[in-house]
Amino acid sequence: MGYIYNGQELETGEEDFLLEPIFDDDIVPVIAAAENINLTDDHWFVVRYLRDKFREDGQTPNFRNMVKELEENYPGTDWKQKLYALFPNQPARQAVRVAGLTKPFGKGGY
């Protein structure tokens, strides 16, 4: 399955991840709709966080590291529960897909 973006079908690989990241915010609603996610400000917060991490590190964090960093930088929220509520189909993967990023590394992350 590909995503139609700007009149073109984007190439995707395994699990419908983009083969090249797209940082344009217009791609996010396209992928979110395919994932049956109605975007909220909280979704956008996570998308921006993941895009920043991808730009900084060249990859996204695994779930454990994502929860740890969010809890350290934005305390007062049960991030594990919140991420599962926002992205119920494996948050560290589904959120990355919705953000328009490439497939994350395996379970170990970085």
PDB file of N, CA and C in Angstrom:
ATOM      1  N   MET A   1       0.854  -1.174   0.000  1.00  0.00           N
ATOM      2  CA  MET A   1       0.000   0.000   0.000  1.00  0.00           C
ATOM      3  C   MET A   1       0.896   1.232   0.000  1.00  0.00           C
ATOM      4  N   GLY A   2       0.553   2.195  -0.773  1.00  0.00           N
ATOM      5  CA  GLY A   2       1.267   3.456  -0.750  1.00  0.00           C
ATOM      6  C   GLY A   2       0.321   4.552  -0.289  1.00  0.00           C
ATOM      7  N   TYR A   3       0.853   5.700  -0.112  1.00  0.00           N
ATOM      8  CA  TYR A   3       0.045   6.856   0.276  1.00  0.00           C
ATOM      9  C   TYR A   3       0.023   7.828  -0.901  1.00  0.00           C
ATOM     10  N   ILE A   4      -1.132   8.399  -1.170  1.00  0.00           N
ATOM     11  CA  ILE A   4      -1.241   9.407  -2.214  1.00  0.00           C
ATOM     12  C   ILE A   4      -0.951  10.760  -1.579  1.00  0.00           C
ATOM     13  N   TYR A   5       0.074  11.409  -2.104  1.00  0.00           N
ATOM     14  CA  TYR A   5       0.536  12.679  -1.542  1.00  0.00           C
ATOM     15  C   TYR A   5       0.928  13.585  -2.703  1.00  0.00           C
ATOM     16  N   ASN A   6       0.324  14.758  -2.751  1.00  0.00           N
ATOM     17  CA  ASN A   6       0.563  15.701  -3.853  1.00  0.00           C
ATOM     18  C   ASN A   6       0.328  15.049  -5.212  1.00  0.00           C
ATOM     19  N   GLY A   7      -0.707  14.212  -5.274  1.00  0.00           N
ATOM     20  CA  GLY A   7      -1.080  13.579  -6.531  1.00  0.00           C
ATOM     21  C   GLY A   7      -0.212  12.415  -6.948  1.00  0.00           C
ATOM     22  N   GLN A   8       0.721  12.005  -6.115  1.00  0.00           N
ATOM     23  CA  GLN A   8       1.595  10.887  -6.443  1.00  0.00           C
ATOM     24  C   GLN A   8       1.497   9.817  -5.365  1.00  0.00           C
ATOM     25  N   GLU A   9       1.632   8.570  -5.810  1.00  0.00           N
ATOM     26  CA  GLU A   9       1.669   7.489  -4.830  1.00  0.00           C
ATOM     27  C   GLU A   9       3.104   7.335  -4.332  1.00  0.00           C
ATOM     28  N   LEU A  10       3.265   7.433  -3.028  1.00  0.00           N
ATOM     29  CA  LEU A  10       4.587   7.304  -2.420  1.00  0.00           C
ATOM     30  C   LEU A  10       4.937   5.837  -2.255  1.00  0.00           C
ATOM     31  N   GLU A  11       6.189   5.539  -2.456  1.00  0.00           N
ATOM     32  CA  GLU A  11       6.651   4.177  -2.300  1.00  0.00           C
ATOM     33  C   GLU A  11       6.830   3.859  -0.819  1.00  0.00           C
ATOM     34  N   THR A  12       6.324   2.717  -0.436  1.00  0.00           N
ATOM     35  CA  THR A  12       6.473   2.272   0.947  1.00  0.00           C
ATOM     36  C   THR A  12       7.116   0.888   0.957  1.00  0.00           C
ATOM     37  N   GLY A  13       7.668   0.557   2.089  1.00  0.00           N
ATOM     38  CA  GLY A  13       8.289  -0.749   2.252  1.00  0.00           C
ATOM     39  C   GLY A  13       7.511  -1.573   3.254  1.00  0.00           C
ATOM     40  N   GLU A  14       8.263  -2.321   4.032  1.00  0.00           N
ATOM     41  CA  GLU A  14       7.668  -3.178   5.054  1.00  0.00           C
ATOM     42  C   GLU A  14       6.759  -2.401   5.990  1.00  0.00           C
ATOM     43  N   GLU A  15       5.619  -2.970   6.280  1.00  0.00           N
ATOM     44  CA  GLU A  15       4.665  -2.402   7.234  1.00  0.00           C
ATOM     45  C   GLU A  15       4.233  -0.984   6.852  1.00  0.00           C
ATOM     46  N   ASP A  16       4.295  -0.665   5.562  1.00  0.00           N
ATOM     47  CA  ASP A  16       3.842   0.629   5.027  1.00  0.00           C
ATOM     48  C   ASP A  16       4.634   1.822   5.541  1.00  0.00           C
ATOM     49  N   PHE A  17       5.882   1.627   5.915  1.00  0.00           N
ATOM     50  CA  PHE A  17       6.746   2.748   6.262  1.00  0.00           C
ATOM     51  C   PHE A  17       7.248   3.383   4.977  1.00  0.00           C
ATOM     52  N   LEU A  18       7.386   4.705   4.976  1.00  0.00           N
ATOM     53  CA  LEU A  18       7.971   5.388   3.835  1.00  0.00           C
ATOM     54  C   LEU A  18       9.428   4.950   3.671  1.00  0.00           C
ATOM     55  N   LEU A  19       9.895   4.917   2.431  1.00  0.00           N
ATOM     56  CA  LEU A  19      11.286   4.556   2.190  1.00  0.00           C
ATOM     57  C   LEU A  19      12.216   5.741   2.413  1.00  0.00           C
ATOM     58  N   GLU A  20      11.682   6.935   2.275  1.00  0.00           N
ATOM     59  CA  GLU A  20      12.414   8.170   2.549  1.00  0.00           C
ATOM     60  C   GLU A  20      11.548   9.031   3.457  1.00  0.00           C
ATOM     61  N   PRO A  21      12.120   9.667   4.475  1.00  0.00           N
ATOM     62  CA  PRO A  21      11.293  10.492   5.368  1.00  0.00           C
ATOM     63  C   PRO A  21      10.746  11.725   4.644  1.00  0.00           C
ATOM     64  N   ILE A  22       9.567  12.134   5.038  1.00  0.00           N
ATOM     65  CA  ILE A  22       8.957  13.362   4.540  1.00  0.00           C
ATOM     66  C   ILE A  22       8.607  14.199   5.762  1.00  0.00           C
ATOM     67  N   PHE A  23       9.174  15.391   5.834  1.00  0.00           N
ATOM     68  CA  PHE A  23       8.979  16.248   6.992  1.00  0.00           C
ATOM     69  C   PHE A  23       7.890  17.290   6.790  1.00  0.00           C
ATOM     70  N   ASP A  24       7.232  17.256   5.657  1.00  0.00           N
ATOM     71  CA  ASP A  24       6.135  18.182   5.378  1.00  0.00           C
ATOM     72  C   ASP A  24       4.930  17.771   6.237  1.00  0.00           C
ATOM     73  N   ASP A  25       4.372  18.725   6.966  1.00  0.00           N
ATOM     74  CA  ASP A  25       3.234  18.418   7.839  1.00  0.00           C
ATOM     75  C   ASP A  25       2.018  17.912   7.075  1.00  0.00           C
ATOM     76  N   ASP A  26       1.924  18.192   5.794  1.00  0.00           N
ATOM     77  CA  ASP A  26       0.765  17.754   5.013  1.00  0.00           C
ATOM     78  C   ASP A  26       0.687  16.242   4.843  1.00  0.00           C
ATOM     79  N   ILE A  27       1.802  15.539   5.018  1.00  0.00           N
ATOM     80  CA  ILE A  27       1.782  14.082   4.893  1.00  0.00           C
ATOM     81  C   ILE A  27       1.158  13.418   6.118  1.00  0.00           C
ATOM     82  N   VAL A  28       1.245  14.059   7.270  1.00  0.00           N
ATOM     83  CA  VAL A  28       0.791  13.454   8.522  1.00  0.00           C
ATOM     84  C   VAL A  28      -0.699  13.099   8.483  1.00  0.00           C
ATOM     85  N   PRO A  29      -1.598  13.999   8.084  1.00  0.00           N
ATOM     86  CA  PRO A  29      -3.015  13.620   8.031  1.00  0.00           C
ATOM     87  C   PRO A  29      -3.306  12.506   7.030  1.00  0.00           C
ATOM     88  N   VAL A  30      -2.527  12.429   5.963  1.00  0.00           N
ATOM     89  CA  VAL A  30      -2.724  11.371   4.965  1.00  0.00           C
ATOM     90  C   VAL A  30      -2.448  10.009   5.590  1.00  0.00           C
ATOM     91  N   ILE A  31      -1.306   9.901   6.269  1.00  0.00           N
ATOM     92  CA  ILE A  31      -0.942   8.623   6.880  1.00  0.00           C
ATOM     93  C   ILE A  31      -1.837   8.333   8.088  1.00  0.00           C
ATOM     94  N   ALA A  32      -2.147   9.358   8.869  1.00  0.00           N
ATOM     95  CA  ALA A  32      -3.030   9.169  10.028  1.00  0.00           C
ATOM     96  C   ALA A  32      -4.390   8.625   9.590  1.00  0.00           C
ATOM     97  N   ALA A  33      -4.927   9.136   8.497  1.00  0.00           N
ATOM     98  CA  ALA A  33      -6.219   8.649   7.997  1.00  0.00           C
ATOM     99  C   ALA A  33      -6.121   7.174   7.620  1.00  0.00           C
ATOM    100  N   ALA A  34      -5.023   6.785   6.999  1.00  0.00           N
ATOM    101  CA  ALA A  34      -4.831   5.376   6.647  1.00  0.00           C
ATOM    102  C   ALA A  34      -4.708   4.500   7.888  1.00  0.00           C
ATOM    103  N   GLU A  35      -4.251   5.076   8.982  1.00  0.00           N
ATOM    104  CA  GLU A  35      -4.107   4.359  10.254  1.00  0.00           C
ATOM    105  C   GLU A  35      -5.360   4.486  11.130  1.00  0.00           C
ATOM    106  N   ASN A  36      -6.385   5.158  10.623  1.00  0.00           N
ATOM    107  CA  ASN A  36      -7.630   5.395  11.376  1.00  0.00           C
ATOM    108  C   ASN A  36      -7.393   6.181  12.661  1.00  0.00           C
ATOM    109  N   ILE A  37      -6.535   7.185  12.555  1.00  0.00           N
ATOM    110  CA  ILE A  37      -6.230   8.047  13.694  1.00  0.00           C
ATOM    111  C   ILE A  37      -6.745   9.444  13.400  1.00  0.00           C
ATOM    112  N   ASN A  38      -7.538   9.982  14.314  1.00  0.00           N
ATOM    113  CA  ASN A  38      -8.002  11.365  14.232  1.00  0.00           C
ATOM    114  C   ASN A  38      -7.010  12.216  15.013  1.00  0.00           C
ATOM    115  N   LEU A  39      -6.262  13.022  14.290  1.00  0.00           N
ATOM    116  CA  LEU A  39      -5.168  13.777  14.900  1.00  0.00           C
ATOM    117  C   LEU A  39      -5.649  14.812  15.911  1.00  0.00           C
ATOM    118  N   THR A  40      -4.933  14.876  17.022  1.00  0.00           N
ATOM    119  CA  THR A  40      -5.155  15.878  18.055  1.00  0.00           C
ATOM    120  C   THR A  40      -3.833  16.611  18.285  1.00  0.00           C
ATOM    121  N   ASP A  41      -3.852  17.617  19.121  1.00  0.00           N
ATOM    122  CA  ASP A  41      -2.614  18.314  19.464  1.00  0.00           C
ATOM    123  C   ASP A  41      -1.603  17.363  20.098  1.00  0.00           C
ATOM    124  N   ASP A  42      -2.073  16.385  20.859  1.00  0.00           N
ATOM    125  CA  ASP A  42      -1.167  15.419  21.481  1.00  0.00           C
ATOM    126  C   ASP A  42      -0.469  14.556  20.427  1.00  0.00           C
ATOM    127  N   HIS A  43      -1.205  14.169  19.379  1.00  0.00           N
ATOM    128  CA  HIS A  43      -0.573  13.425  18.288  1.00  0.00           C
ATOM    129  C   HIS A  43       0.528  14.264  17.643  1.00  0.00           C
ATOM    130  N   TRP A  44       0.211  15.529  17.386  1.00  0.00           N
ATOM    131  CA  TRP A  44       1.189  16.419  16.754  1.00  0.00           C
ATOM    132  C   TRP A  44       2.417  16.611  17.645  1.00  0.00           C
ATOM    133  N   PHE A  45       2.233  16.662  18.950  1.00  0.00           N
ATOM    134  CA  PHE A  45       3.360  16.771  19.872  1.00  0.00           C
ATOM    135  C   PHE A  45       4.311  15.586  19.682  1.00  0.00           C
ATOM    136  N   VAL A  46       3.750  14.382  19.629  1.00  0.00           N
ATOM    137  CA  VAL A  46       4.562  13.179  19.467  1.00  0.00           C
ATOM    138  C   VAL A  46       5.219  13.160  18.086  1.00  0.00           C
ATOM    139  N   VAL A  47       4.492  13.556  17.056  1.00  0.00           N
ATOM    140  CA  VAL A  47       5.056  13.612  15.706  1.00  0.00           C
ATOM    141  C   VAL A  47       6.257  14.550  15.678  1.00  0.00           C
ATOM    142  N   ARG A  48       6.119  15.710  16.259  1.00  0.00           N
ATOM    143  CA  ARG A  48       7.226  16.674  16.260  1.00  0.00           C
ATOM    144  C   ARG A  48       8.416  16.156  17.076  1.00  0.00           C
ATOM    145  N   TYR A  49       8.127  15.527  18.202  1.00  0.00           N
ATOM    146  CA  TYR A  49       9.190  14.930  19.015  1.00  0.00           C
ATOM    147  C   TYR A  49       9.958  13.886  18.192  1.00  0.00           C
ATOM    148  N   LEU A  50       9.239  12.991  17.518  1.00  0.00           N
ATOM    149  CA  LEU A  50       9.893  11.939  16.744  1.00  0.00           C
ATOM    150  C   LEU A  50      10.685  12.504  15.569  1.00  0.00           C
ATOM    151  N   ARG A  51      10.142  13.510  14.915  1.00  0.00           N
ATOM    152  CA  ARG A  51      10.870  14.138  13.808  1.00  0.00           C
ATOM    153  C   ARG A  51      12.151  14.805  14.307  1.00  0.00           C
ATOM    154  N   ASP A  52      12.084  15.453  15.451  1.00  0.00           N
ATOM    155  CA  ASP A  52      13.283  16.075  16.028  1.00  0.00           C
ATOM    156  C   ASP A  52      14.332  15.009  16.358  1.00  0.00           C
ATOM    157  N   LYS A  53      13.897  13.908  16.954  1.00  0.00           N
ATOM    158  CA  LYS A  53      14.821  12.821  17.294  1.00  0.00           C
ATOM    159  C   LYS A  53      15.443  12.234  16.029  1.00  0.00           C
ATOM    160  N   PHE A  54      14.647  12.096  14.980  1.00  0.00           N
ATOM    161  CA  PHE A  54      15.148  11.551  13.727  1.00  0.00           C
ATOM    162  C   PHE A  54      16.196  12.485  13.126  1.00  0.00           C
ATOM    163  N   ARG A  55      15.921  13.768  13.155  1.00  0.00           N
ATOM    164  CA  ARG A  55      16.890  14.743  12.630  1.00  0.00           C
ATOM    165  C   ARG A  55      18.186  14.741  13.451  1.00  0.00           C
ATOM    166  N   GLU A  56      18.065  14.637  14.762  1.00  0.00           N
ATOM    167  CA  GLU A  56      19.234  14.660  15.641  1.00  0.00           C
ATOM    168  C   GLU A  56      20.062  13.381  15.558  1.00  0.00           C
ATOM    169  N   ASP A  57      19.374  12.240  15.574  1.00  0.00           N
ATOM    170  CA  ASP A  57      20.049  10.953  15.726  1.00  0.00           C
ATOM    171  C   ASP A  57      20.069  10.092  14.466  1.00  0.00           C
ATOM    172  N   GLY A  58      19.300  10.471  13.452  1.00  0.00           N
ATOM    173  CA  GLY A  58      19.225   9.657  12.244  1.00  0.00           C
ATOM    174  C   GLY A  58      18.314   8.458  12.389  1.00  0.00           C
ATOM    175  N   GLN A  59      17.623   8.370  13.513  1.00  0.00           N
ATOM    176  CA  GLN A  59      16.677   7.290  13.788  1.00  0.00           C
ATOM    177  C   GLN A  59      15.774   7.721  14.925  1.00  0.00           C
ATOM    178  N   THR A  60      14.772   6.912  15.168  1.00  0.00           N
ATOM    179  CA  THR A  60      13.851   7.207  16.261  1.00  0.00           C
ATOM    180  C   THR A  60      14.137   6.254  17.421  1.00  0.00           C
ATOM    181  N   PRO A  61      13.786   6.667  18.642  1.00  0.00           N
ATOM    182  CA  PRO A  61      14.061   5.803  19.796  1.00  0.00           C
ATOM    183  C   PRO A  61      13.106   4.617  19.857  1.00  0.00           C
ATOM    184  N   ASN A  62      13.564   3.557  20.513  1.00  0.00           N
ATOM    185  CA  ASN A  62      12.651   2.457  20.766  1.00  0.00           C
ATOM    186  C   ASN A  62      11.646   2.915  21.829  1.00  0.00           C
ATOM    187  N   PHE A  63      10.645   2.104  22.071  1.00  0.00           N
ATOM    188  CA  PHE A  63       9.556   2.512  22.955  1.00  0.00           C
ATOM    189  C   PHE A  63      10.044   2.837  24.357  1.00  0.00           C
ATOM    190  N   ARG A  64      10.875   1.981  24.909  1.00  0.00           N
ATOM    191  CA  ARG A  64      11.367   2.201  26.270  1.00  0.00           C
ATOM    192  C   ARG A  64      12.105   3.533  26.385  1.00  0.00           C
ATOM    193  N   ASN A  65      12.996   3.801  25.438  1.00  0.00           N
ATOM    194  CA  ASN A  65      13.750   5.051  25.470  1.00  0.00           C
ATOM    195  C   ASN A  65      12.856   6.262  25.218  1.00  0.00           C
ATOM    196  N   MET A  66      11.859   6.093  24.371  1.00  0.00           N
ATOM    197  CA  MET A  66      10.928   7.192  24.109  1.00  0.00           C
ATOM    198  C   MET A  66      10.163   7.551  25.377  1.00  0.00           C
ATOM    199  N   VAL A  67       9.638   6.555  26.062  1.00  0.00           N
ATOM    200  CA  VAL A  67       8.893   6.800  27.303  1.00  0.00           C
ATOM    201  C   VAL A  67       9.801   7.441  28.346  1.00  0.00           C
ATOM    202  N   LYS A  68      11.006   6.919  28.490  1.00  0.00           N
ATOM    203  CA  LYS A  68      11.947   7.453  29.473  1.00  0.00           C
ATOM    204  C   LYS A  68      12.263   8.925  29.203  1.00  0.00           C
ATOM    205  N   GLU A  69      12.562   9.248  27.966  1.00  0.00           N
ATOM    206  CA  GLU A  69      12.903  10.633  27.633  1.00  0.00           C
ATOM    207  C   GLU A  69      11.707  11.575  27.787  1.00  0.00           C
ATOM    208  N   LEU A  70      10.543  11.142  27.367  1.00  0.00           N
ATOM    209  CA  LEU A  70       9.354  11.988  27.522  1.00  0.00           C
ATOM    210  C   LEU A  70       9.043  12.221  28.993  1.00  0.00           C
ATOM    211  N   GLU A  71       9.172  11.179  29.818  1.00  0.00           N
ATOM    212  CA  GLU A  71       8.912  11.336  31.252  1.00  0.00           C
ATOM    213  C   GLU A  71       9.918  12.274  31.904  1.00  0.00           C
ATOM    214  N   GLU A  72      11.178  12.230  31.458  1.00  0.00           N
ATOM    215  CA  GLU A  72      12.201  13.120  32.013  1.00  0.00           C
ATOM    216  C   GLU A  72      11.962  14.569  31.594  1.00  0.00           C
ATOM    217  N   ASN A  73      11.620  14.770  30.330  1.00  0.00           N
ATOM    218  CA  ASN A  73      11.475  16.124  29.792  1.00  0.00           C
ATOM    219  C   ASN A  73      10.084  16.726  29.987  1.00  0.00           C
ATOM    220  N   TYR A  74       9.100  15.884  30.138  1.00  0.00           N
ATOM    221  CA  TYR A  74       7.710  16.349  30.291  1.00  0.00           C
ATOM    222  C   TYR A  74       7.036  15.539  31.396  1.00  0.00           C
ATOM    223  N   PRO A  75       7.462  15.759  32.654  1.00  0.00           N
ATOM    224  CA  PRO A  75       6.938  14.960  33.771  1.00  0.00           C
ATOM    225  C   PRO A  75       5.457  15.254  34.040  1.00  0.00           C
ATOM    226  N   GLY A  76       4.865  14.358  34.799  1.00  0.00           N
ATOM    227  CA  GLY A  76       3.480  14.555  35.203  1.00  0.00           C
ATOM    228  C   GLY A  76       2.487  13.822  34.318  1.00  0.00           C
ATOM    229  N   THR A  77       2.995  13.098  33.332  1.00  0.00           N
ATOM    230  CA  THR A  77       2.138  12.329  32.434  1.00  0.00           C
ATOM    231  C   THR A  77       2.612  10.888  32.432  1.00  0.00           C
ATOM    232  N   ASP A  78       1.684   9.952  32.449  1.00  0.00           N
ATOM    233  CA  ASP A  78       2.035   8.544  32.275  1.00  0.00           C
ATOM    234  C   ASP A  78       2.197   8.323  30.771  1.00  0.00           C
ATOM    235  N   TRP A  79       3.424   8.516  30.277  1.00  0.00           N
ATOM    236  CA  TRP A  79       3.664   8.508  28.842  1.00  0.00           C
ATOM    237  C   TRP A  79       3.421   7.149  28.210  1.00  0.00           C
ATOM    238  N   LYS A  80       3.684   6.085  28.928  1.00  0.00           N
ATOM    239  CA  LYS A  80       3.428   4.759  28.361  1.00  0.00           C
ATOM    240  C   LYS A  80       1.939   4.627  28.040  1.00  0.00           C
ATOM    241  N   GLN A  81       1.101   4.961  29.003  1.00  0.00           N
ATOM    242  CA  GLN A  81      -0.340   4.876  28.804  1.00  0.00           C
ATOM    243  C   GLN A  81      -0.800   5.851  27.718  1.00  0.00           C
ATOM    244  N   LYS A  82      -0.284   7.063  27.747  1.00  0.00           N
ATOM    245  CA  LYS A  82      -0.698   8.083  26.788  1.00  0.00           C
ATOM    246  C   LYS A  82      -0.320   7.686  25.356  1.00  0.00           C
ATOM    247  N   LEU A  83       0.900   7.180  25.171  1.00  0.00           N
ATOM    248  CA  LEU A  83       1.319   6.781  23.830  1.00  0.00           C
ATOM    249  C   LEU A  83       0.462   5.642  23.285  1.00  0.00           C
ATOM    250  N   TYR A  84       0.106   4.703  24.147  1.00  0.00           N
ATOM    251  CA  TYR A  84      -0.779   3.622  23.700  1.00  0.00           C
ATOM    252  C   TYR A  84      -2.185   4.129  23.394  1.00  0.00           C
ATOM    253  N   ALA A  85      -2.636   5.133  24.103  1.00  0.00           N
ATOM    254  CA  ALA A  85      -3.952   5.713  23.804  1.00  0.00           C
ATOM    255  C   ALA A  85      -3.921   6.452  22.463  1.00  0.00           C
ATOM    256  N   LEU A  86      -2.822   7.143  22.182  1.00  0.00           N
ATOM    257  CA  LEU A  86      -2.706   7.900  20.937  1.00  0.00           C
ATOM    258  C   LEU A  86      -2.434   7.009  19.733  1.00  0.00           C
ATOM    259  N   PHE A  87      -1.573   6.029  19.918  1.00  0.00           N
ATOM    260  CA  PHE A  87      -1.130   5.147  18.830  1.00  0.00           C
ATOM    261  C   PHE A  87      -1.264   3.702  19.304  1.00  0.00           C
ATOM    262  N   PRO A  88      -2.477   3.153  19.285  1.00  0.00           N
ATOM    263  CA  PRO A  88      -2.732   1.854  19.908  1.00  0.00           C
ATOM    264  C   PRO A  88      -2.050   0.657  19.236  1.00  0.00           C
ATOM    265  N   ASN A  89      -1.584   0.829  18.016  1.00  0.00           N
ATOM    266  CA  ASN A  89      -0.957  -0.281  17.297  1.00  0.00           C
ATOM    267  C   ASN A  89       0.562  -0.133  17.345  1.00  0.00           C
ATOM    268  N   GLN A  90       1.165  -0.498  18.466  1.00  0.00           N
ATOM    269  CA  GLN A  90       2.606  -0.390  18.700  1.00  0.00           C
ATOM    270  C   GLN A  90       3.069   1.059  18.539  1.00  0.00           C
ATOM    271  N   PRO A  91       2.961   1.861  19.573  1.00  0.00           N
ATOM    272  CA  PRO A  91       3.240   3.292  19.478  1.00  0.00           C
ATOM    273  C   PRO A  91       4.584   3.666  18.861  1.00  0.00           C
ATOM    274  N   ALA A  92       5.640   2.943  19.195  1.00  0.00           N
ATOM    275  CA  ALA A  92       6.956   3.308  18.665  1.00  0.00           C
ATOM    276  C   ALA A  92       7.046   3.059  17.163  1.00  0.00           C
ATOM    277  N   ARG A  93       6.142   2.288  16.616  1.00  0.00           N
ATOM    278  CA  ARG A  93       6.119   2.037  15.180  1.00  0.00           C
ATOM    279  C   ARG A  93       5.025   2.863  14.509  1.00  0.00           C
ATOM    280  N   GLN A  94       3.830   2.803  15.048  1.00  0.00           N
ATOM    281  CA  GLN A  94       2.716   3.519  14.430  1.00  0.00           C
ATOM    282  C   GLN A  94       2.950   5.028  14.450  1.00  0.00           C
ATOM    283  N   ALA A  95       3.459   5.554  15.536  1.00  0.00           N
ATOM    284  CA  ALA A  95       3.720   6.992  15.618  1.00  0.00           C
ATOM    285  C   ALA A  95       4.798   7.403  14.616  1.00  0.00           C
ATOM    286  N   VAL A  96       5.806   6.568  14.436  1.00  0.00           N
ATOM    287  CA  VAL A  96       6.867   6.851  13.464  1.00  0.00           C
ATOM    288  C   VAL A  96       6.295   6.849  12.051  1.00  0.00           C
ATOM    289  N   ARG A  97       5.439   5.892  11.766  1.00  0.00           N
ATOM    290  CA  ARG A  97       4.798   5.816  10.446  1.00  0.00           C
ATOM    291  C   ARG A  97       3.980   7.072  10.198  1.00  0.00           C
ATOM    292  N   VAL A  98       3.150   7.462  11.167  1.00  0.00           N
ATOM    293  CA  VAL A  98       2.303   8.648  11.032  1.00  0.00           C
ATOM    294  C   VAL A  98       3.155   9.907  10.876  1.00  0.00           C
ATOM    295  N   ALA A  99       4.312   9.951  11.508  1.00  0.00           N
ATOM    296  CA  ALA A  99       5.201  11.114  11.417  1.00  0.00           C
ATOM    297  C   ALA A  99       5.840  11.251  10.036  1.00  0.00           C
ATOM    298  N   GLY A 100       5.667  10.237   9.180  1.00  0.00           N
ATOM    299  CA  GLY A 100       6.244  10.295   7.840  1.00  0.00           C
ATOM    300  C   GLY A 100       7.709   9.921   7.812  1.00  0.00           C
ATOM    301  N   LEU A 101       8.117   9.082   8.767  1.00  0.00           N
ATOM    302  CA  LEU A 101       9.516   8.685   8.868  1.00  0.00           C
ATOM    303  C   LEU A 101       9.708   7.252   8.375  1.00  0.00           C
ATOM    304  N   THR A 102      10.956   6.864   8.236  1.00  0.00           N
ATOM    305  CA  THR A 102      11.273   5.518   7.759  1.00  0.00           C
ATOM    306  C   THR A 102      11.154   4.500   8.891  1.00  0.00           C
ATOM    307  N   LYS A 103      11.166   3.246   8.512  1.00  0.00           N
ATOM    308  CA  LYS A 103      11.004   2.169   9.475  1.00  0.00           C
ATOM    309  C   LYS A 103      12.094   2.241  10.552  1.00  0.00           C
ATOM    310  N   PRO A 104      11.684   2.167  11.823  1.00  0.00           N
ATOM    311  CA  PRO A 104      12.678   2.199  12.898  1.00  0.00           C
ATOM    312  C   PRO A 104      13.497   0.910  12.933  1.00  0.00           C
ATOM    313  N   PHE A 105      14.632   1.012  13.588  1.00  0.00           N
ATOM    314  CA  PHE A 105      15.462  -0.166  13.772  1.00  0.00           C
ATOM    315  C   PHE A 105      14.725  -1.178  14.629  1.00  0.00           C
ATOM    316  N   GLY A 106      15.290  -2.358  14.747  1.00  0.00           N
ATOM    317  CA  GLY A 106      14.659  -3.424  15.505  1.00  0.00           C
ATOM    318  C   GLY A 106      14.436  -3.096  16.964  1.00  0.00           C
ATOM    319  N   LYS A 107      14.077  -4.117  17.698  1.00  0.00           N
ATOM    320  CA  LYS A 107      13.673  -3.981  19.085  1.00  0.00           C
ATOM    321  C   LYS A 107      14.678  -3.201  19.946  1.00  0.00           C
ATOM    322  N   GLY A 108      15.951  -3.357  19.684  1.00  0.00           N
ATOM    323  CA  GLY A 108      16.980  -2.731  20.519  1.00  0.00           C
ATOM    324  C   GLY A 108      17.059  -1.215  20.391  1.00  0.00           C
ATOM    325  N   GLY A 109      16.607  -0.679  19.259  1.00  0.00           N
ATOM    326  CA  GLY A 109      16.670   0.772  19.074  1.00  0.00           C
ATOM    327  C   GLY A 109      18.097   1.263  19.147  1.00  0.00           C
ATOM    328  N   TYR A 110      18.315   2.301  19.919  1.00  0.00           N
ATOM    329  CA  TYR A 110      19.683   2.813  20.093  1.00  0.00           C
ATOM    330  C   TYR A 110      19.964   3.022  21.541  1.00  0.00           C
TER     331      TYR A 110
END
